[in-house]
């Protein structure tokens, strides 16, 4: 169980990966505040939804998720990238953000969330 229940926006274009992330978050005691697999929907959720933190896949069906990162940064909402590209796939303005290398385990996710909320 999480120390603090977080509402987390999940941006991931691979449905099975998104479902796996959702299961991990629920198992860790958090709540999925929204889920988007395409850039336009992700931008709408990032602009208009209430949540504590966001997880961004870098590549959303061929489009980079950096416009979503920009919205989150402007709103002051913490976010991390969950990507198979590692830090090399992160655009320069966001290289200071946490990166969770795919594939990852629930313990990896728990550790990075804990580090972001301390």
C-alpha atoms as a PDB file:
ATOM      1  CA  UNK A   1       0.000   0.000   0.000  1.00  0.00           C
ATOM      2  CA  UNK A   2       1.274   3.445  -0.871  1.00  0.00           C
ATOM      3  CA  UNK A   3       2.216   5.901   1.834  1.00  0.00           C
ATOM      4  CA  UNK A   4       0.180   8.551   0.051  1.00  0.00           C
ATOM      5  CA  UNK A   5      -2.524   7.752  -2.481  1.00  0.00           C
ATOM      6  CA  UNK A   6      -1.738   9.588  -5.711  1.00  0.00           C
ATOM      7  CA  UNK A   7      -4.025  10.361  -8.642  1.00  0.00           C
ATOM      8  CA  UNK A   8      -1.867   9.604 -11.680  1.00  0.00           C
ATOM      9  CA  UNK A   9      -2.439  10.446 -15.339  1.00  0.00           C
ATOM     10  CA  UNK A  10      -1.096   7.664 -17.579  1.00  0.00           C
ATOM     11  CA  UNK A  11      -0.117   8.495 -21.172  1.00  0.00           C
ATOM     12  CA  UNK A  12       0.702   5.267 -23.014  1.00  0.00           C
ATOM     13  CA  UNK A  13      -0.195   4.179 -26.544  1.00  0.00           C
ATOM     14  CA  UNK A  14       0.280   0.420 -26.094  1.00  0.00           C
ATOM     15  CA  UNK A  15      -2.955  -0.854 -24.540  1.00  0.00           C
ATOM     16  CA  UNK A  16      -1.417  -3.915 -22.875  1.00  0.00           C
ATOM     17  CA  UNK A  17       1.365  -1.812 -21.374  1.00  0.00           C
ATOM     18  CA  UNK A  18      -1.199   0.757 -20.191  1.00  0.00           C
ATOM     19  CA  UNK A  19      -3.262  -1.983 -18.541  1.00  0.00           C
ATOM     20  CA  UNK A  20      -0.136  -3.371 -16.877  1.00  0.00           C
ATOM     21  CA  UNK A  21       0.773   0.093 -15.560  1.00  0.00           C
ATOM     22  CA  UNK A  22      -2.777   0.569 -14.286  1.00  0.00           C
ATOM     23  CA  UNK A  23      -2.616  -2.771 -12.456  1.00  0.00           C
ATOM     24  CA  UNK A  24       0.726  -1.818 -10.887  1.00  0.00           C
ATOM     25  CA  UNK A  25      -0.555   1.577  -9.767  1.00  0.00           C
ATOM     26  CA  UNK A  26      -3.670   0.071  -8.213  1.00  0.00           C
ATOM     27  CA  UNK A  27      -1.572  -2.601  -6.508  1.00  0.00           C
ATOM     28  CA  UNK A  28       0.642   0.161  -5.105  1.00  0.00           C
ATOM     29  CA  UNK A  29      -2.432   1.914  -3.711  1.00  0.00           C
ATOM     30  CA  UNK A  30      -2.682   4.716  -6.248  1.00  0.00           C
ATOM     31  CA  UNK A  31      -5.486   5.777  -8.559  1.00  0.00           C
ATOM     32  CA  UNK A  32      -5.407   6.223 -12.341  1.00  0.00           C
ATOM     33  CA  UNK A  33      -6.873   9.694 -12.922  1.00  0.00           C
ATOM     34  CA  UNK A  34      -6.986   9.246 -16.683  1.00  0.00           C
ATOM     35  CA  UNK A  35      -5.541   7.227 -19.519  1.00  0.00           C
ATOM     36  CA  UNK A  36      -4.703   8.406 -23.035  1.00  0.00           C
ATOM     37  CA  UNK A  37      -2.954   6.689 -25.911  1.00  0.00           C
ATOM     38  CA  UNK A  38      -2.975   9.480 -28.471  1.00  0.00           C
ATOM     39  CA  UNK A  39      -1.484  12.963 -28.344  1.00  0.00           C
ATOM     40  CA  UNK A  40      -4.694  14.960 -28.774  1.00  0.00           C
ATOM     41  CA  UNK A  41      -6.484  13.141 -25.954  1.00  0.00           C
ATOM     42  CA  UNK A  42      -3.386  13.316 -23.762  1.00  0.00           C
ATOM     43  CA  UNK A  43      -3.172  17.089 -24.271  1.00  0.00           C
ATOM     44  CA  UNK A  44      -6.831  17.521 -23.324  1.00  0.00           C
ATOM     45  CA  UNK A  45      -6.392  15.507 -20.139  1.00  0.00           C
ATOM     46  CA  UNK A  46      -3.150  17.309 -19.281  1.00  0.00           C
ATOM     47  CA  UNK A  47      -4.851  20.697 -19.678  1.00  0.00           C
ATOM     48  CA  UNK A  48      -8.180  19.998 -18.009  1.00  0.00           C
ATOM     49  CA  UNK A  49      -7.887  17.140 -15.512  1.00  0.00           C
ATOM     50  CA  UNK A  50      -7.011  17.131 -11.827  1.00  0.00           C
ATOM     51  CA  UNK A  51      -4.213  14.749 -10.827  1.00  0.00           C
ATOM     52  CA  UNK A  52      -1.063  14.678  -8.715  1.00  0.00           C
ATOM     53  CA  UNK A  53       1.473  13.298 -11.177  1.00  0.00           C
ATOM     54  CA  UNK A  54       1.730  12.006 -14.754  1.00  0.00           C
ATOM     55  CA  UNK A  55       3.543   9.143 -16.481  1.00  0.00           C
ATOM     56  CA  UNK A  56       4.370   9.794 -20.133  1.00  0.00           C
ATOM     57  CA  UNK A  57       5.366   7.368 -22.821  1.00  0.00           C
ATOM     58  CA  UNK A  58       7.709   9.304 -25.131  1.00  0.00           C
ATOM     59  CA  UNK A  59       6.289   7.969 -28.399  1.00  0.00           C
ATOM     60  CA  UNK A  60       2.520   8.084 -28.852  1.00  0.00           C
ATOM     61  CA  UNK A  61       1.788   6.218 -32.075  1.00  0.00           C
ATOM     62  CA  UNK A  62       4.622   8.036 -33.826  1.00  0.00           C
ATOM     63  CA  UNK A  63       4.134  11.440 -32.180  1.00  0.00           C
ATOM     64  CA  UNK A  64       6.371  12.620 -29.346  1.00  0.00           C
ATOM     65  CA  UNK A  65       4.636  13.354 -26.050  1.00  0.00           C
ATOM     66  CA  UNK A  66       6.730  16.479 -25.367  1.00  0.00           C
ATOM     67  CA  UNK A  67       3.791  18.869 -25.979  1.00  0.00           C
ATOM     68  CA  UNK A  68       2.069  17.104 -23.072  1.00  0.00           C
ATOM     69  CA  UNK A  69       5.216  17.538 -20.977  1.00  0.00           C
ATOM     70  CA  UNK A  70       5.127  21.256 -21.793  1.00  0.00           C
ATOM     71  CA  UNK A  71       1.534  21.567 -20.554  1.00  0.00           C
ATOM     72  CA  UNK A  72       2.387  19.692 -17.370  1.00  0.00           C
ATOM     73  CA  UNK A  73       5.454  21.850 -16.767  1.00  0.00           C
ATOM     74  CA  UNK A  74       3.379  25.010 -17.250  1.00  0.00           C
ATOM     75  CA  UNK A  75       0.820  23.714 -14.729  1.00  0.00           C
ATOM     76  CA  UNK A  76       3.566  22.762 -12.265  1.00  0.00           C
ATOM     77  CA  UNK A  77       2.491  19.113 -12.222  1.00  0.00           C
ATOM     78  CA  UNK A  78       5.323  16.610 -11.709  1.00  0.00           C
ATOM     79  CA  UNK A  79       5.795  13.970 -14.377  1.00  0.00           C
ATOM     80  CA  UNK A  80       8.083  11.169 -15.394  1.00  0.00           C
ATOM     81  CA  UNK A  81       8.815   9.470 -18.661  1.00  0.00           C
ATOM     82  CA  UNK A  82       8.321   5.720 -18.980  1.00  0.00           C
ATOM     83  CA  UNK A  83      10.127   4.728 -22.143  1.00  0.00           C
ATOM     84  CA  UNK A  84      12.130   2.028 -23.806  1.00  0.00           C
ATOM     85  CA  UNK A  85      14.402   4.706 -25.293  1.00  0.00           C
ATOM     86  CA  UNK A  86      15.985   5.596 -21.951  1.00  0.00           C
ATOM     87  CA  UNK A  87      17.297   9.098 -21.361  1.00  0.00           C
ATOM     88  CA  UNK A  88      18.586   9.343 -24.954  1.00  0.00           C
ATOM     89  CA  UNK A  89      15.015   9.584 -26.192  1.00  0.00           C
ATOM     90  CA  UNK A  90      14.158  12.579 -24.011  1.00  0.00           C
ATOM     91  CA  UNK A  91      14.120  16.057 -25.553  1.00  0.00           C
ATOM     92  CA  UNK A  92      16.669  18.457 -24.036  1.00  0.00           C
ATOM     93  CA  UNK A  93      14.247  20.649 -22.022  1.00  0.00           C
ATOM     94  CA  UNK A  94      12.998  17.583 -20.128  1.00  0.00           C
ATOM     95  CA  UNK A  95      16.216  15.659 -19.492  1.00  0.00           C
ATOM     96  CA  UNK A  96      16.076  16.644 -15.818  1.00  0.00           C
ATOM     97  CA  UNK A  97      12.817  14.696 -15.377  1.00  0.00           C
ATOM     98  CA  UNK A  98      12.775  11.177 -13.960  1.00  0.00           C
ATOM     99  CA  UNK A  99      12.919   8.362 -16.510  1.00  0.00           C
ATOM    100  CA  UNK A 100      11.635   4.861 -15.915  1.00  0.00           C
ATOM    101  CA  UNK A 101      13.259   2.465 -18.380  1.00  0.00           C
ATOM    102  CA  UNK A 102      10.813  -0.022 -19.929  1.00  0.00           C
ATOM    103  CA  UNK A 103      10.274  -2.765 -19.178  1.00  0.00           C
ATOM    104  CA  UNK A 104       9.967  -2.085 -15.476  1.00  0.00           C
ATOM    105  CA  UNK A 105       8.629  -3.829 -12.396  1.00  0.00           C
ATOM    106  CA  UNK A 106       6.179  -2.580  -9.782  1.00  0.00           C
ATOM    107  CA  UNK A 107       9.062  -2.059  -7.355  1.00  0.00           C
ATOM    108  CA  UNK A 108      10.801   0.214  -9.904  1.00  0.00           C
ATOM    109  CA  UNK A 109       7.592   2.198 -10.311  1.00  0.00           C
ATOM    110  CA  UNK A 110       7.095   2.411  -6.552  1.00  0.00           C
ATOM    111  CA  UNK A 111      10.660   3.636  -6.035  1.00  0.00           C
ATOM    112  CA  UNK A 112      10.439   6.389  -8.642  1.00  0.00           C
ATOM    113  CA  UNK A 113       7.028   7.566  -7.400  1.00  0.00           C
ATOM    114  CA  UNK A 114       8.343   7.666  -3.846  1.00  0.00           C
ATOM    115  CA  UNK A 115      11.371   9.700  -4.953  1.00  0.00           C
ATOM    116  CA  UNK A 116       9.075  12.212  -6.670  1.00  0.00           C
ATOM    117  CA  UNK A 117       6.762  12.718  -3.705  1.00  0.00           C
ATOM    118  CA  UNK A 118       9.245  13.014  -0.840  1.00  0.00           C
END
